[in-house]
Amino acid sequence: MTTVKSRNGRMKTGTGYDYVQAPDHPYATRKGYVLEHRLVMEKKLGRYLNKGEKVHHINGNPLDNRIENLIVLSQRTHVRNHKSPTIKWGCLESEQWLQKQYIDLNKTPTRIAKELGCCHQAVRHALDRVGLRTIPKSKPHPPIKHLKLHDPQWLRDKLSKMSQSKVARLLGVTDAQVFTARKIYGIENFIKEKPPGRPKKP
């Protein structure tokens, strides 16, 4: 990755993406920088993005980090979108165009996506942004519980009283997610569950 000299806590890569200095961020680079568009999306969501979540610029401009120009995609979907240079991203920015397609013409997000050459997930996010369609936010986990994983004080307090597995069950997440958060914040696993032993012979 080629970079230019940093100024005022900001740095630009050779590919055009902006980095912002955030040394306390769990996914910061060795020099303490994080991609600006990821920080913008994390601020909106109120949580850290997972490594598998990619933030895509709708209009294709990596310098346009307005929240309305950003959507979260999976790694697979993000790669597929970048391999399609014919995608009409400009249509997803037009509230009037989206309203005509979705409300007036009664087209589904899947049909709109086929016409634009993008994924239906991008269309759903665009409709949600302009208030034409609400994306359900109940899966995979209730946000209030998932946020606890990024609260070091809360996590340290719970792990001092119960095992990692019990904390995972309390939050409704996997052991691996608790383990990752524990490693990021340097929290020891004080209490360990004993594996179930063999029943004693009479």
N, C-alpha and C. Protein backbone atom coordinates (compact mmCIF):
# COMPACT_ATOMS: atom_id res chain seq x y z
N MET A 1 0.84 -1.19 0.00
CA MET A 1 0.00 0.00 0.00
C MET A 1 0.88 1.24 0.00
N THR A 2 0.76 2.03 -1.07
CA THR A 2 1.53 3.27 -1.14
C THR A 2 0.76 4.38 -0.43
N THR A 3 1.45 5.21 0.31
CA THR A 3 0.82 6.28 1.06
C THR A 3 1.54 7.58 0.82
N VAL A 4 0.88 8.68 1.15
CA VAL A 4 1.50 9.99 1.11
C VAL A 4 1.69 10.44 2.55
N LYS A 5 2.44 11.49 2.75
CA LYS A 5 2.74 11.97 4.08
C LYS A 5 1.47 12.37 4.82
N SER A 6 1.37 11.95 6.09
CA SER A 6 0.18 12.25 6.87
C SER A 6 0.19 13.69 7.35
N ARG A 7 -1.00 14.28 7.42
CA ARG A 7 -1.16 15.64 7.91
C ARG A 7 -2.37 15.71 8.83
N ASN A 8 -2.17 16.33 9.99
CA ASN A 8 -3.26 16.53 10.95
C ASN A 8 -4.01 15.24 11.25
N GLY A 9 -3.27 14.16 11.43
CA GLY A 9 -3.91 12.90 11.78
C GLY A 9 -4.63 12.22 10.63
N ARG A 10 -4.38 12.63 9.39
CA ARG A 10 -5.02 12.03 8.21
C ARG A 10 -3.95 11.55 7.24
N MET A 11 -4.31 10.55 6.45
CA MET A 11 -3.37 9.98 5.50
C MET A 11 -4.15 9.43 4.31
N LYS A 12 -3.60 9.57 3.12
CA LYS A 12 -4.27 9.09 1.92
C LYS A 12 -3.42 8.00 1.27
N THR A 13 -4.09 6.94 0.82
CA THR A 13 -3.38 5.84 0.16
C THR A 13 -3.28 6.11 -1.33
N GLY A 14 -2.45 5.32 -1.99
CA GLY A 14 -2.29 5.46 -3.43
C GLY A 14 -3.54 5.11 -4.20
N THR A 15 -4.45 4.34 -3.59
CA THR A 15 -5.71 3.97 -4.25
C THR A 15 -6.80 5.01 -4.02
N GLY A 16 -6.49 6.05 -3.23
CA GLY A 16 -7.44 7.14 -3.07
C GLY A 16 -8.26 7.12 -1.79
N TYR A 17 -8.08 6.13 -0.95
CA TYR A 17 -8.84 6.05 0.28
C TYR A 17 -8.19 6.87 1.39
N ASP A 18 -9.02 7.50 2.21
CA ASP A 18 -8.53 8.31 3.31
C ASP A 18 -8.46 7.50 4.60
N TYR A 19 -7.36 7.66 5.32
CA TYR A 19 -7.19 7.06 6.64
C TYR A 19 -7.21 8.16 7.69
N VAL A 20 -7.75 7.85 8.86
CA VAL A 20 -7.80 8.78 9.97
C VAL A 20 -7.10 8.14 11.16
N GLN A 21 -6.37 8.94 11.91
CA GLN A 21 -5.64 8.41 13.06
C GLN A 21 -6.60 8.08 14.19
N ALA A 22 -6.60 6.83 14.61
CA ALA A 22 -7.46 6.35 15.70
C ALA A 22 -6.72 5.22 16.40
N PRO A 23 -5.69 5.55 17.18
CA PRO A 23 -4.82 4.51 17.77
C PRO A 23 -5.53 3.57 18.73
N ASP A 24 -6.67 3.99 19.32
CA ASP A 24 -7.39 3.14 20.26
C ASP A 24 -8.36 2.18 19.58
N HIS A 25 -8.50 2.29 18.29
CA HIS A 25 -9.42 1.42 17.55
C HIS A 25 -8.86 0.00 17.51
N PRO A 26 -9.71 -1.01 17.78
CA PRO A 26 -9.20 -2.40 17.82
C PRO A 26 -8.64 -2.91 16.50
N TYR A 27 -9.06 -2.30 15.37
CA TYR A 27 -8.58 -2.75 14.06
C TYR A 27 -7.69 -1.71 13.39
N ALA A 28 -7.05 -0.87 14.18
CA ALA A 28 -6.14 0.15 13.62
C ALA A 28 -4.89 -0.51 13.07
N THR A 29 -4.22 0.16 12.12
CA THR A 29 -2.98 -0.35 11.56
C THR A 29 -1.86 -0.19 12.59
N ARG A 30 -0.68 -0.67 12.26
CA ARG A 30 0.45 -0.56 13.19
C ARG A 30 0.76 0.88 13.54
N LYS A 31 0.49 1.79 12.61
CA LYS A 31 0.74 3.21 12.85
C LYS A 31 -0.47 3.92 13.46
N GLY A 32 -1.54 3.16 13.74
CA GLY A 32 -2.70 3.73 14.42
C GLY A 32 -3.71 4.40 13.51
N TYR A 33 -3.84 3.94 12.26
CA TYR A 33 -4.78 4.55 11.32
C TYR A 33 -5.92 3.58 10.98
N VAL A 34 -7.10 4.18 10.69
CA VAL A 34 -8.28 3.40 10.29
C VAL A 34 -8.91 4.08 9.08
N LEU A 35 -9.45 3.30 8.16
CA LEU A 35 -10.12 3.86 6.98
C LEU A 35 -11.28 4.75 7.42
N GLU A 36 -11.33 5.95 6.85
CA GLU A 36 -12.32 6.94 7.28
C GLU A 36 -13.75 6.46 7.03
N HIS A 37 -14.00 5.82 5.89
CA HIS A 37 -15.38 5.41 5.58
C HIS A 37 -15.87 4.34 6.54
N ARG A 38 -14.96 3.54 7.09
CA ARG A 38 -15.37 2.55 8.08
C ARG A 38 -15.73 3.23 9.41
N LEU A 39 -14.97 4.26 9.76
CA LEU A 39 -15.27 5.00 10.99
C LEU A 39 -16.62 5.70 10.89
N VAL A 40 -16.92 6.25 9.72
CA VAL A 40 -18.20 6.93 9.51
C VAL A 40 -19.35 5.95 9.68
N MET A 41 -19.20 4.75 9.11
CA MET A 41 -20.26 3.75 9.22
C MET A 41 -20.39 3.23 10.65
N GLU A 42 -19.27 3.05 11.34
CA GLU A 42 -19.30 2.57 12.73
C GLU A 42 -20.00 3.58 13.63
N LYS A 43 -19.81 4.87 13.35
CA LYS A 43 -20.47 5.91 14.15
C LYS A 43 -21.98 5.83 13.98
N LYS A 44 -22.43 5.55 12.75
CA LYS A 44 -23.86 5.43 12.50
C LYS A 44 -24.44 4.19 13.18
N LEU A 45 -23.72 3.06 13.08
CA LEU A 45 -24.22 1.80 13.64
C LEU A 45 -24.09 1.73 15.15
N GLY A 46 -23.13 2.51 15.71
CA GLY A 46 -22.91 2.47 17.15
C GLY A 46 -22.14 1.25 17.60
N ARG A 47 -21.35 0.67 16.71
CA ARG A 47 -20.55 -0.51 17.05
C ARG A 47 -19.39 -0.62 16.06
N TYR A 48 -18.42 -1.49 16.40
CA TYR A 48 -17.32 -1.74 15.48
C TYR A 48 -17.79 -2.69 14.38
N LEU A 49 -17.29 -2.49 13.18
CA LEU A 49 -17.58 -3.40 12.08
C LEU A 49 -16.75 -4.66 12.21
N ASN A 50 -17.33 -5.78 11.82
CA ASN A 50 -16.57 -7.03 11.79
C ASN A 50 -15.64 -7.02 10.59
N LYS A 51 -14.62 -7.86 10.62
CA LYS A 51 -13.66 -7.90 9.51
C LYS A 51 -14.33 -8.34 8.21
N GLY A 52 -15.39 -9.13 8.31
CA GLY A 52 -16.07 -9.60 7.11
C GLY A 52 -17.04 -8.59 6.51
N GLU A 53 -17.29 -7.48 7.22
CA GLU A 53 -18.19 -6.45 6.72
C GLU A 53 -17.39 -5.39 5.96
N LYS A 54 -17.79 -5.14 4.72
CA LYS A 54 -17.10 -4.17 3.88
C LYS A 54 -18.01 -2.97 3.63
N VAL A 55 -17.44 -1.78 3.66
CA VAL A 55 -18.20 -0.55 3.41
C VAL A 55 -17.97 -0.13 1.96
N HIS A 56 -19.05 -0.05 1.21
CA HIS A 56 -18.96 0.25 -0.22
C HIS A 56 -19.41 1.69 -0.50
N HIS A 57 -18.68 2.38 -1.37
CA HIS A 57 -19.06 3.72 -1.82
C HIS A 57 -20.03 3.57 -2.99
N ILE A 58 -21.26 4.03 -2.81
CA ILE A 58 -22.30 3.83 -3.81
C ILE A 58 -21.94 4.47 -5.14
N ASN A 59 -21.42 5.71 -5.11
CA ASN A 59 -21.12 6.40 -6.36
C ASN A 59 -19.72 6.07 -6.91
N GLY A 60 -19.00 5.19 -6.24
CA GLY A 60 -17.69 4.77 -6.73
C GLY A 60 -16.55 5.71 -6.40
N ASN A 61 -16.85 6.82 -5.73
CA ASN A 61 -15.82 7.79 -5.36
C ASN A 61 -15.29 7.49 -3.96
N PRO A 62 -14.05 7.02 -3.82
CA PRO A 62 -13.53 6.64 -2.50
C PRO A 62 -13.31 7.82 -1.56
N LEU A 63 -13.39 9.05 -2.10
CA LEU A 63 -13.21 10.24 -1.26
C LEU A 63 -14.54 10.77 -0.73
N ASP A 64 -15.65 10.25 -1.25
CA ASP A 64 -16.97 10.70 -0.82
C ASP A 64 -17.44 9.84 0.34
N ASN A 65 -17.10 10.26 1.56
CA ASN A 65 -17.41 9.45 2.74
C ASN A 65 -18.65 9.94 3.48
N ARG A 66 -19.59 10.56 2.75
CA ARG A 66 -20.87 10.90 3.35
C ARG A 66 -21.61 9.61 3.68
N ILE A 67 -22.32 9.60 4.81
CA ILE A 67 -23.00 8.38 5.24
C ILE A 67 -24.03 7.92 4.22
N GLU A 68 -24.67 8.88 3.50
CA GLU A 68 -25.66 8.49 2.50
C GLU A 68 -25.02 7.86 1.27
N ASN A 69 -23.70 7.93 1.16
CA ASN A 69 -22.99 7.32 0.03
C ASN A 69 -22.37 5.98 0.42
N LEU A 70 -22.63 5.51 1.63
CA LEU A 70 -22.00 4.29 2.12
C LEU A 70 -23.03 3.22 2.46
N ILE A 71 -22.71 1.98 2.13
CA ILE A 71 -23.53 0.84 2.53
C ILE A 71 -22.60 -0.28 3.00
N VAL A 72 -23.11 -1.13 3.88
CA VAL A 72 -22.33 -2.26 4.39
C VAL A 72 -22.68 -3.50 3.59
N LEU A 73 -21.67 -4.15 3.06
CA LEU A 73 -21.87 -5.37 2.27
C LEU A 73 -20.98 -6.48 2.81
N SER A 74 -21.34 -7.70 2.49
CA SER A 74 -20.48 -8.82 2.83
C SER A 74 -19.28 -8.82 1.88
N GLN A 75 -18.23 -9.53 2.26
CA GLN A 75 -17.02 -9.60 1.43
C GLN A 75 -17.36 -10.12 0.02
N ARG A 76 -18.18 -11.15 -0.05
CA ARG A 76 -18.51 -11.76 -1.34
C ARG A 76 -19.29 -10.78 -2.22
N THR A 77 -20.29 -10.11 -1.62
CA THR A 77 -21.10 -9.16 -2.39
C THR A 77 -20.28 -7.97 -2.82
N HIS A 78 -19.38 -7.51 -1.95
CA HIS A 78 -18.55 -6.35 -2.26
C HIS A 78 -17.63 -6.63 -3.45
N VAL A 79 -17.02 -7.80 -3.45
CA VAL A 79 -16.14 -8.18 -4.56
C VAL A 79 -16.93 -8.27 -5.86
N ARG A 80 -18.13 -8.87 -5.79
CA ARG A 80 -18.95 -9.03 -6.99
C ARG A 80 -19.35 -7.68 -7.57
N ASN A 81 -19.65 -6.71 -6.70
CA ASN A 81 -20.03 -5.38 -7.17
C ASN A 81 -18.87 -4.68 -7.87
N HIS A 82 -17.66 -4.84 -7.33
CA HIS A 82 -16.50 -4.18 -7.92
C HIS A 82 -16.09 -4.80 -9.25
N LYS A 83 -16.53 -6.03 -9.48
CA LYS A 83 -16.21 -6.68 -10.75
C LYS A 83 -17.21 -6.31 -11.84
N SER A 84 -18.20 -5.46 -11.50
CA SER A 84 -19.22 -5.07 -12.46
C SER A 84 -19.15 -3.57 -12.73
N PRO A 85 -18.29 -3.13 -13.67
CA PRO A 85 -18.13 -1.70 -13.94
C PRO A 85 -19.36 -1.06 -14.57
N THR A 86 -20.32 -1.89 -15.05
CA THR A 86 -21.50 -1.33 -15.71
C THR A 86 -22.62 -0.98 -14.74
N ILE A 87 -22.42 -1.17 -13.44
CA ILE A 87 -23.45 -0.88 -12.46
C ILE A 87 -23.78 0.62 -12.48
N LYS A 88 -25.07 0.95 -12.49
CA LYS A 88 -25.53 2.34 -12.52
C LYS A 88 -25.72 2.84 -11.09
N TRP A 89 -24.60 3.12 -10.41
CA TRP A 89 -24.67 3.53 -9.01
C TRP A 89 -25.38 4.87 -8.84
N GLY A 90 -25.32 5.71 -9.87
CA GLY A 90 -25.94 7.03 -9.76
C GLY A 90 -27.44 6.96 -9.50
N CYS A 91 -28.09 5.93 -10.02
CA CYS A 91 -29.54 5.79 -9.80
C CYS A 91 -29.86 5.55 -8.33
N LEU A 92 -28.95 4.87 -7.61
CA LEU A 92 -29.19 4.59 -6.20
C LEU A 92 -29.08 5.84 -5.34
N GLU A 93 -28.50 6.90 -5.89
CA GLU A 93 -28.39 8.16 -5.15
C GLU A 93 -29.60 9.05 -5.36
N SER A 94 -30.42 8.75 -6.37
CA SER A 94 -31.56 9.59 -6.71
C SER A 94 -32.82 9.11 -5.99
N GLU A 95 -33.29 9.90 -5.04
CA GLU A 95 -34.51 9.56 -4.31
C GLU A 95 -35.71 9.53 -5.25
N GLN A 96 -35.76 10.47 -6.19
CA GLN A 96 -36.87 10.55 -7.14
C GLN A 96 -36.92 9.30 -8.02
N TRP A 97 -35.75 8.86 -8.51
CA TRP A 97 -35.71 7.67 -9.36
C TRP A 97 -36.13 6.43 -8.59
N LEU A 98 -35.63 6.32 -7.36
CA LEU A 98 -35.97 5.16 -6.53
C LEU A 98 -37.47 5.13 -6.22
N GLN A 99 -38.06 6.28 -5.93
CA GLN A 99 -39.49 6.34 -5.63
C GLN A 99 -40.33 5.93 -6.83
N LYS A 100 -39.92 6.36 -8.01
CA LYS A 100 -40.66 6.00 -9.22
C LYS A 100 -40.62 4.49 -9.45
N GLN A 101 -39.43 3.89 -9.28
CA GLN A 101 -39.29 2.45 -9.52
C GLN A 101 -40.00 1.62 -8.47
N TYR A 102 -39.82 2.00 -7.20
CA TYR A 102 -40.30 1.15 -6.10
C TYR A 102 -41.77 1.42 -5.75
N ILE A 103 -42.19 2.70 -5.78
CA ILE A 103 -43.56 3.05 -5.39
C ILE A 103 -44.48 3.13 -6.60
N ASP A 104 -44.10 3.94 -7.59
CA ASP A 104 -45.00 4.15 -8.73
C ASP A 104 -45.11 2.92 -9.63
N LEU A 105 -43.95 2.31 -9.94
CA LEU A 105 -43.95 1.14 -10.83
C LEU A 105 -44.04 -0.17 -10.07
N ASN A 106 -44.00 -0.12 -8.74
CA ASN A 106 -44.17 -1.30 -7.88
C ASN A 106 -43.16 -2.41 -8.18
N LYS A 107 -41.91 -2.03 -8.42
CA LYS A 107 -40.86 -3.01 -8.68
C LYS A 107 -40.25 -3.48 -7.37
N THR A 108 -39.84 -4.73 -7.32
CA THR A 108 -39.19 -5.27 -6.13
C THR A 108 -37.71 -4.86 -6.13
N PRO A 109 -37.05 -4.86 -4.96
CA PRO A 109 -35.62 -4.57 -4.91
C PRO A 109 -34.80 -5.49 -5.80
N THR A 110 -35.23 -6.75 -5.91
CA THR A 110 -34.50 -7.71 -6.75
C THR A 110 -34.59 -7.33 -8.22
N ARG A 111 -35.78 -6.90 -8.65
CA ARG A 111 -35.94 -6.50 -10.05
C ARG A 111 -35.16 -5.22 -10.36
N ILE A 112 -35.19 -4.27 -9.43
CA ILE A 112 -34.43 -3.03 -9.61
C ILE A 112 -32.95 -3.34 -9.70
N ALA A 113 -32.49 -4.25 -8.85
CA ALA A 113 -31.07 -4.62 -8.83
C ALA A 113 -30.64 -5.23 -10.17
N LYS A 114 -31.49 -6.06 -10.76
CA LYS A 114 -31.17 -6.68 -12.05
C LYS A 114 -31.04 -5.62 -13.14
N GLU A 115 -31.90 -4.61 -13.09
CA GLU A 115 -31.86 -3.55 -14.10
C GLU A 115 -30.62 -2.68 -13.95
N LEU A 116 -30.17 -2.51 -12.70
CA LEU A 116 -29.00 -1.68 -12.44
C LEU A 116 -27.70 -2.46 -12.57
N GLY A 117 -27.80 -3.79 -12.46
CA GLY A 117 -26.60 -4.62 -12.53
C GLY A 117 -25.88 -4.76 -11.22
N CYS A 118 -26.58 -4.47 -10.11
CA CYS A 118 -25.96 -4.58 -8.79
C CYS A 118 -26.69 -5.64 -7.97
N CYS A 119 -26.31 -5.80 -6.72
CA CYS A 119 -26.95 -6.78 -5.85
C CYS A 119 -28.21 -6.17 -5.21
N HIS A 120 -29.17 -7.01 -4.85
CA HIS A 120 -30.41 -6.51 -4.24
C HIS A 120 -30.16 -5.88 -2.88
N GLN A 121 -29.06 -6.29 -2.22
CA GLN A 121 -28.73 -5.72 -0.91
C GLN A 121 -28.42 -4.23 -1.04
N ALA A 122 -27.74 -3.85 -2.11
CA ALA A 122 -27.43 -2.44 -2.32
C ALA A 122 -28.69 -1.63 -2.54
N VAL A 123 -29.67 -2.20 -3.25
CA VAL A 123 -30.93 -1.52 -3.50
C VAL A 123 -31.71 -1.36 -2.20
N ARG A 124 -31.73 -2.40 -1.38
CA ARG A 124 -32.45 -2.33 -0.10
C ARG A 124 -31.87 -1.23 0.79
N HIS A 125 -30.54 -1.14 0.83
CA HIS A 125 -29.91 -0.09 1.65
C HIS A 125 -30.23 1.29 1.10
N ALA A 126 -30.28 1.43 -0.23
CA ALA A 126 -30.60 2.73 -0.83
C ALA A 126 -32.04 3.12 -0.51
N LEU A 127 -32.97 2.17 -0.57
CA LEU A 127 -34.37 2.43 -0.24
C LEU A 127 -34.52 2.79 1.24
N ASP A 128 -33.76 2.12 2.08
CA ASP A 128 -33.80 2.39 3.52
C ASP A 128 -33.26 3.80 3.81
N ARG A 129 -32.24 4.19 3.07
CA ARG A 129 -31.62 5.51 3.29
C ARG A 129 -32.59 6.65 3.00
N VAL A 130 -33.43 6.50 1.97
CA VAL A 130 -34.36 7.57 1.61
C VAL A 130 -35.73 7.38 2.25
N GLY A 131 -35.86 6.37 3.12
CA GLY A 131 -37.10 6.19 3.87
C GLY A 131 -38.22 5.50 3.12
N LEU A 132 -37.91 4.80 2.02
CA LEU A 132 -38.94 4.11 1.25
C LEU A 132 -39.16 2.67 1.72
N ARG A 133 -38.18 2.13 2.41
CA ARG A 133 -38.27 0.74 2.88
C ARG A 133 -37.38 0.59 4.09
N THR A 134 -37.89 -0.06 5.12
CA THR A 134 -37.13 -0.25 6.35
C THR A 134 -36.53 -1.64 6.38
N ILE A 135 -35.22 -1.71 6.61
CA ILE A 135 -34.54 -3.00 6.69
C ILE A 135 -34.69 -3.54 8.12
N PRO A 136 -35.18 -4.76 8.30
CA PRO A 136 -35.29 -5.34 9.64
C PRO A 136 -33.93 -5.39 10.32
N LYS A 137 -33.89 -5.00 11.59
CA LYS A 137 -32.61 -4.94 12.30
C LYS A 137 -32.57 -5.91 13.49
N SER A 138 -33.45 -6.93 13.46
CA SER A 138 -33.51 -7.85 14.59
C SER A 138 -32.51 -8.99 14.50
N LYS A 139 -31.91 -9.21 13.34
CA LYS A 139 -30.97 -10.32 13.17
C LYS A 139 -29.59 -9.77 12.85
N PRO A 140 -28.51 -10.47 13.16
CA PRO A 140 -28.48 -11.77 13.83
C PRO A 140 -28.59 -11.69 15.33
N HIS A 141 -28.31 -10.52 15.94
CA HIS A 141 -28.38 -10.38 17.39
C HIS A 141 -28.97 -9.02 17.72
N PRO A 142 -29.71 -8.90 18.82
CA PRO A 142 -30.17 -7.59 19.25
C PRO A 142 -28.98 -6.67 19.46
N PRO A 143 -28.95 -5.48 18.86
CA PRO A 143 -27.79 -4.59 18.94
C PRO A 143 -27.35 -4.28 20.36
N ILE A 144 -28.29 -4.11 21.30
CA ILE A 144 -27.92 -3.72 22.65
C ILE A 144 -27.07 -4.79 23.33
N LYS A 145 -27.32 -6.06 22.99
CA LYS A 145 -26.54 -7.13 23.58
C LYS A 145 -25.17 -7.24 22.90
N HIS A 146 -25.17 -7.11 21.59
CA HIS A 146 -23.91 -7.24 20.85
C HIS A 146 -22.93 -6.14 21.22
N LEU A 147 -23.44 -4.95 21.57
CA LEU A 147 -22.57 -3.83 21.92
C LEU A 147 -21.76 -4.09 23.19
N LYS A 148 -22.27 -4.95 24.04
CA LYS A 148 -21.55 -5.26 25.29
C LYS A 148 -20.17 -5.85 25.01
N LEU A 149 -20.01 -6.50 23.86
CA LEU A 149 -18.72 -7.08 23.52
C LEU A 149 -17.65 -6.01 23.34
N HIS A 150 -18.07 -4.79 23.06
CA HIS A 150 -17.13 -3.69 22.83
C HIS A 150 -17.06 -2.74 24.02
N ASP A 151 -17.52 -3.21 25.17
CA ASP A 151 -17.42 -2.44 26.41
C ASP A 151 -16.43 -3.18 27.32
N PRO A 152 -15.14 -2.79 27.30
CA PRO A 152 -14.11 -3.53 28.05
C PRO A 152 -14.40 -3.63 29.54
N GLN A 153 -14.93 -2.55 30.13
CA GLN A 153 -15.20 -2.56 31.57
C GLN A 153 -16.28 -3.58 31.92
N TRP A 154 -17.36 -3.59 31.12
CA TRP A 154 -18.45 -4.54 31.36
C TRP A 154 -17.95 -5.97 31.15
N LEU A 155 -17.19 -6.18 30.08
CA LEU A 155 -16.70 -7.52 29.76
C LEU A 155 -15.74 -8.03 30.84
N ARG A 156 -14.86 -7.16 31.31
CA ARG A 156 -13.90 -7.55 32.35
C ARG A 156 -14.63 -7.91 33.65
N ASP A 157 -15.67 -7.14 33.97
CA ASP A 157 -16.44 -7.40 35.19
C ASP A 157 -17.16 -8.75 35.11
N LYS A 158 -17.77 -9.04 33.96
CA LYS A 158 -18.49 -10.30 33.81
C LYS A 158 -17.55 -11.50 33.83
N LEU A 159 -16.40 -11.36 33.16
CA LEU A 159 -15.45 -12.48 33.09
C LEU A 159 -14.76 -12.73 34.42
N SER A 160 -14.83 -11.78 35.33
CA SER A 160 -14.28 -12.00 36.67
C SER A 160 -15.25 -12.80 37.54
N LYS A 161 -16.50 -12.93 37.08
CA LYS A 161 -17.52 -13.62 37.87
C LYS A 161 -18.02 -14.91 37.22
N MET A 162 -17.88 -14.98 35.89
CA MET A 162 -18.38 -16.17 35.19
C MET A 162 -17.46 -16.54 34.04
N SER A 163 -17.65 -17.72 33.52
CA SER A 163 -16.78 -18.23 32.45
C SER A 163 -17.11 -17.56 31.11
N GLN A 164 -16.20 -17.75 30.18
CA GLN A 164 -16.37 -17.19 28.84
C GLN A 164 -17.63 -17.75 28.18
N SER A 165 -17.89 -19.04 28.36
CA SER A 165 -19.06 -19.68 27.76
C SER A 165 -20.36 -19.10 28.32
N LYS A 166 -20.38 -18.82 29.62
CA LYS A 166 -21.58 -18.25 30.23
C LYS A 166 -21.83 -16.84 29.74
N VAL A 167 -20.75 -16.07 29.56
CA VAL A 167 -20.90 -14.71 29.02
C VAL A 167 -21.46 -14.77 27.61
N ALA A 168 -20.99 -15.74 26.82
CA ALA A 168 -21.49 -15.90 25.44
C ALA A 168 -22.98 -16.23 25.44
N ARG A 169 -23.39 -17.12 26.36
CA ARG A 169 -24.81 -17.47 26.44
C ARG A 169 -25.65 -16.29 26.92
N LEU A 170 -25.09 -15.49 27.81
CA LEU A 170 -25.78 -14.31 28.32
C LEU A 170 -26.05 -13.30 27.20
N LEU A 171 -25.09 -13.12 26.30
CA LEU A 171 -25.23 -12.16 25.21
C LEU A 171 -25.93 -12.74 23.99
N GLY A 172 -26.00 -14.07 23.93
CA GLY A 172 -26.59 -14.70 22.76
C GLY A 172 -25.63 -14.73 21.58
N VAL A 173 -24.32 -14.80 21.87
CA VAL A 173 -23.31 -14.85 20.82
C VAL A 173 -22.51 -16.14 20.99
N THR A 174 -21.53 -16.36 20.13
CA THR A 174 -20.71 -17.56 20.21
C THR A 174 -19.52 -17.35 21.13
N ASP A 175 -18.94 -18.46 21.57
CA ASP A 175 -17.73 -18.39 22.40
C ASP A 175 -16.60 -17.69 21.64
N ALA A 176 -16.53 -17.94 20.33
CA ALA A 176 -15.46 -17.35 19.52
C ALA A 176 -15.53 -15.83 19.51
N GLN A 177 -16.74 -15.27 19.51
CA GLN A 177 -16.90 -13.82 19.51
C GLN A 177 -16.43 -13.22 20.83
N VAL A 178 -16.75 -13.89 21.93
CA VAL A 178 -16.30 -13.42 23.25
C VAL A 178 -14.79 -13.55 23.35
N PHE A 179 -14.26 -14.66 22.83
CA PHE A 179 -12.81 -14.88 22.85
C PHE A 179 -12.09 -13.78 22.08
N THR A 180 -12.60 -13.42 20.90
CA THR A 180 -11.98 -12.36 20.08
C THR A 180 -11.99 -11.03 20.81
N ALA A 181 -13.13 -10.68 21.40
CA ALA A 181 -13.24 -9.41 22.14
C ALA A 181 -12.30 -9.40 23.34
N ARG A 182 -12.18 -10.56 23.99
CA ARG A 182 -11.31 -10.67 25.16
C ARG A 182 -9.85 -10.45 24.77
N LYS A 183 -9.44 -11.00 23.64
CA LYS A 183 -8.06 -10.84 23.17
C LYS A 183 -7.78 -9.40 22.75
N ILE A 184 -8.77 -8.76 22.10
CA ILE A 184 -8.59 -7.38 21.64
C ILE A 184 -8.33 -6.44 22.82
N TYR A 185 -9.08 -6.64 23.91
CA TYR A 185 -8.96 -5.74 25.06
C TYR A 185 -8.02 -6.28 26.14
N GLY A 186 -7.36 -7.41 25.87
CA GLY A 186 -6.38 -7.94 26.81
C GLY A 186 -6.97 -8.39 28.13
N ILE A 187 -8.15 -9.02 28.07
CA ILE A 187 -8.82 -9.48 29.28
C ILE A 187 -8.57 -10.97 29.49
N GLU A 188 -8.12 -11.32 30.68
CA GLU A 188 -7.85 -12.73 30.97
C GLU A 188 -9.14 -13.47 31.26
N ASN A 189 -9.09 -14.76 30.99
CA ASN A 189 -10.23 -15.62 31.30
C ASN A 189 -10.01 -16.21 32.69
N PHE A 190 -10.53 -15.52 33.71
CA PHE A 190 -10.26 -15.90 35.09
C PHE A 190 -10.96 -17.20 35.48
N ILE A 191 -12.19 -17.36 35.05
CA ILE A 191 -12.98 -18.54 35.45
C ILE A 191 -13.20 -19.43 34.23
N LYS A 192 -12.82 -20.68 34.34
CA LYS A 192 -12.97 -21.61 33.24
C LYS A 192 -13.92 -22.72 33.64
N GLU A 193 -14.76 -23.12 32.70
CA GLU A 193 -15.69 -24.22 32.97
C GLU A 193 -14.95 -25.55 32.86
N LYS A 194 -15.25 -26.42 33.78
CA LYS A 194 -14.63 -27.74 33.74
C LYS A 194 -15.36 -28.60 32.72
N PRO A 195 -14.60 -29.30 31.86
CA PRO A 195 -15.27 -30.15 30.88
C PRO A 195 -16.00 -31.28 31.59
N PRO A 196 -17.14 -31.68 31.05
CA PRO A 196 -17.91 -32.74 31.70
C PRO A 196 -17.10 -34.04 31.74
N GLY A 197 -16.93 -34.58 32.95
CA GLY A 197 -16.14 -35.80 33.11
C GLY A 197 -16.98 -37.04 32.91
N ARG A 198 -16.30 -38.15 32.89
CA ARG A 198 -17.02 -39.42 32.74
C ARG A 198 -17.72 -39.78 34.06
N PRO A 199 -18.90 -40.35 33.94
CA PRO A 199 -19.61 -40.73 35.18
C PRO A 199 -18.83 -41.81 35.94
N LYS A 200 -18.82 -41.64 37.23
CA LYS A 200 -18.08 -42.61 38.04
C LYS A 200 -18.80 -43.97 38.02
N LYS A 201 -17.95 -45.01 37.98
CA LYS A 201 -18.52 -46.37 38.01
C LYS A 201 -18.99 -46.69 39.40
N PRO A 202 -20.12 -47.34 39.50
CA PRO A 202 -20.63 -47.71 40.84
C PRO A 202 -19.76 -48.77 41.50
